[in-house]
């Protein structure tokens, strides 16, 4: 089934954000229990990291902040362009995996950025 470019953009934005948040949640939980001396409030950190996801994603696509973050943002972009070219949703699945992996690495980079 072929999709219009507007639907693909919508699927990419919404799906990418949802999968990124699904990556942020276990990452924040892991880092909060791995370093109890940090005194992280899990809910607040999940919300804060999730709100900054789009900005961080664009920032990492333009300026390499860390290798995994930059690679995942570019894999997502390439998969989106590929999906638009073939007008199918299957390439977006690769983009969703990349967004989930981006979400896993994002909280640590976000905290490093905010502590500077």
Protein backbone atom coordinates (compact mmCIF):
# COMPACT_ATOMS: atom_id res chain seq x y z
CA UNK A 1 0.00 0.00 0.00
CA UNK A 2 1.36 3.40 -0.96
CA UNK A 3 1.14 6.33 1.42
CA UNK A 4 1.21 10.04 0.71
CA UNK A 5 4.23 12.04 1.83
CA UNK A 6 2.08 13.89 4.38
CA UNK A 7 1.10 10.61 6.06
CA UNK A 8 4.70 9.41 6.04
CA UNK A 9 5.85 12.67 7.66
CA UNK A 10 3.13 12.30 10.29
CA UNK A 11 4.03 8.66 10.95
CA UNK A 12 7.72 9.57 11.18
CA UNK A 13 7.24 12.44 13.62
CA UNK A 14 4.72 10.75 15.90
CA UNK A 15 6.22 7.27 15.70
CA UNK A 16 9.76 8.55 16.13
CA UNK A 17 8.82 10.54 19.22
CA UNK A 18 6.90 7.63 20.77
CA UNK A 19 9.76 5.19 20.18
CA UNK A 20 12.29 7.72 21.50
CA UNK A 21 10.29 8.12 24.70
CA UNK A 22 10.08 4.33 24.97
CA UNK A 23 13.89 4.33 24.83
CA UNK A 24 14.22 7.13 27.39
CA UNK A 25 12.16 5.39 30.07
CA UNK A 26 14.40 2.33 30.66
CA UNK A 27 17.52 4.46 30.28
CA UNK A 28 16.47 6.90 33.01
CA UNK A 29 15.45 4.03 35.28
CA UNK A 30 18.79 2.30 34.71
CA UNK A 31 20.89 5.40 35.38
CA UNK A 32 18.88 6.30 38.48
CA UNK A 33 19.48 2.87 40.03
CA UNK A 34 23.06 2.52 38.77
CA UNK A 35 24.05 5.81 40.44
CA UNK A 36 21.90 6.32 43.55
CA UNK A 37 24.14 9.20 44.67
CA UNK A 38 22.76 11.30 41.78
CA UNK A 39 19.35 11.50 43.52
CA UNK A 40 17.38 11.47 40.28
CA UNK A 41 13.64 11.92 40.37
CA UNK A 42 12.65 9.33 37.77
CA UNK A 43 9.37 10.88 36.63
CA UNK A 44 10.80 14.37 36.34
CA UNK A 45 13.85 13.17 34.45
CA UNK A 46 11.72 11.15 32.02
CA UNK A 47 9.51 14.16 31.35
CA UNK A 48 12.46 16.54 31.04
CA UNK A 49 14.41 14.26 28.73
CA UNK A 50 11.30 13.59 26.64
CA UNK A 51 10.51 17.28 26.23
CA UNK A 52 14.04 17.95 25.00
CA UNK A 53 14.12 14.96 22.60
CA UNK A 54 13.22 16.86 19.39
CA UNK A 55 15.74 19.60 20.11
CA UNK A 56 18.42 17.07 20.96
CA UNK A 57 17.65 15.01 17.89
CA UNK A 58 18.07 18.02 15.60
CA UNK A 59 21.14 19.15 17.49
CA UNK A 60 22.78 15.72 17.15
CA UNK A 61 21.94 15.53 13.45
CA UNK A 62 23.69 18.85 12.80
CA UNK A 63 26.51 18.86 15.36
CA UNK A 64 27.94 15.48 16.36
CA UNK A 65 27.49 15.38 20.11
CA UNK A 66 28.31 11.71 20.49
CA UNK A 67 28.82 8.99 17.92
CA UNK A 68 25.76 6.83 18.79
CA UNK A 69 23.42 9.82 18.90
CA UNK A 70 24.61 11.20 15.58
CA UNK A 71 24.45 7.83 13.87
CA UNK A 72 20.93 7.11 15.14
CA UNK A 73 19.63 10.51 14.06
CA UNK A 74 21.09 10.08 10.57
CA UNK A 75 19.80 6.50 10.26
CA UNK A 76 16.35 7.85 11.07
CA UNK A 77 16.67 10.58 8.43
CA UNK A 78 17.91 8.18 5.76
CA UNK A 79 15.12 5.69 6.54
CA UNK A 80 12.56 8.49 6.31
CA UNK A 81 13.88 9.65 2.94
CA UNK A 82 13.85 6.05 1.74
CA UNK A 83 10.24 5.65 2.90
CA UNK A 84 9.24 8.80 1.03
CA UNK A 85 11.02 7.60 -2.09
CA UNK A 86 9.27 4.22 -2.18
CA UNK A 87 6.08 5.58 -0.54
CA UNK A 88 5.86 2.63 1.81
CA UNK A 89 5.87 2.47 5.58
CA UNK A 90 8.29 -0.46 5.99
CA UNK A 91 11.48 1.68 5.88
CA UNK A 92 10.06 3.69 8.77
CA UNK A 93 10.44 0.63 10.98
CA UNK A 94 14.20 1.09 10.73
CA UNK A 95 13.68 4.73 11.67
CA UNK A 96 11.65 3.70 14.72
CA UNK A 97 14.43 1.37 15.89
CA UNK A 98 16.96 4.17 15.42
CA UNK A 99 14.74 6.55 17.41
CA UNK A 100 14.41 4.01 20.24
CA UNK A 101 18.19 3.61 20.36
CA UNK A 102 18.55 7.39 20.29
CA UNK A 103 16.21 7.55 23.27
CA UNK A 104 18.36 5.06 25.17
CA UNK A 105 21.51 7.18 24.75
CA UNK A 106 19.81 10.59 25.04
CA UNK A 107 19.34 11.03 28.85
CA UNK A 108 23.04 10.66 29.63
CA UNK A 109 23.97 13.16 26.89
CA UNK A 110 21.19 15.51 28.01
CA UNK A 111 22.44 15.47 31.60
CA UNK A 112 26.00 16.08 30.43
CA UNK A 113 24.81 19.03 28.35
CA UNK A 114 22.80 20.51 31.24
CA UNK A 115 25.63 20.16 33.74
CA UNK A 116 28.04 22.27 31.69
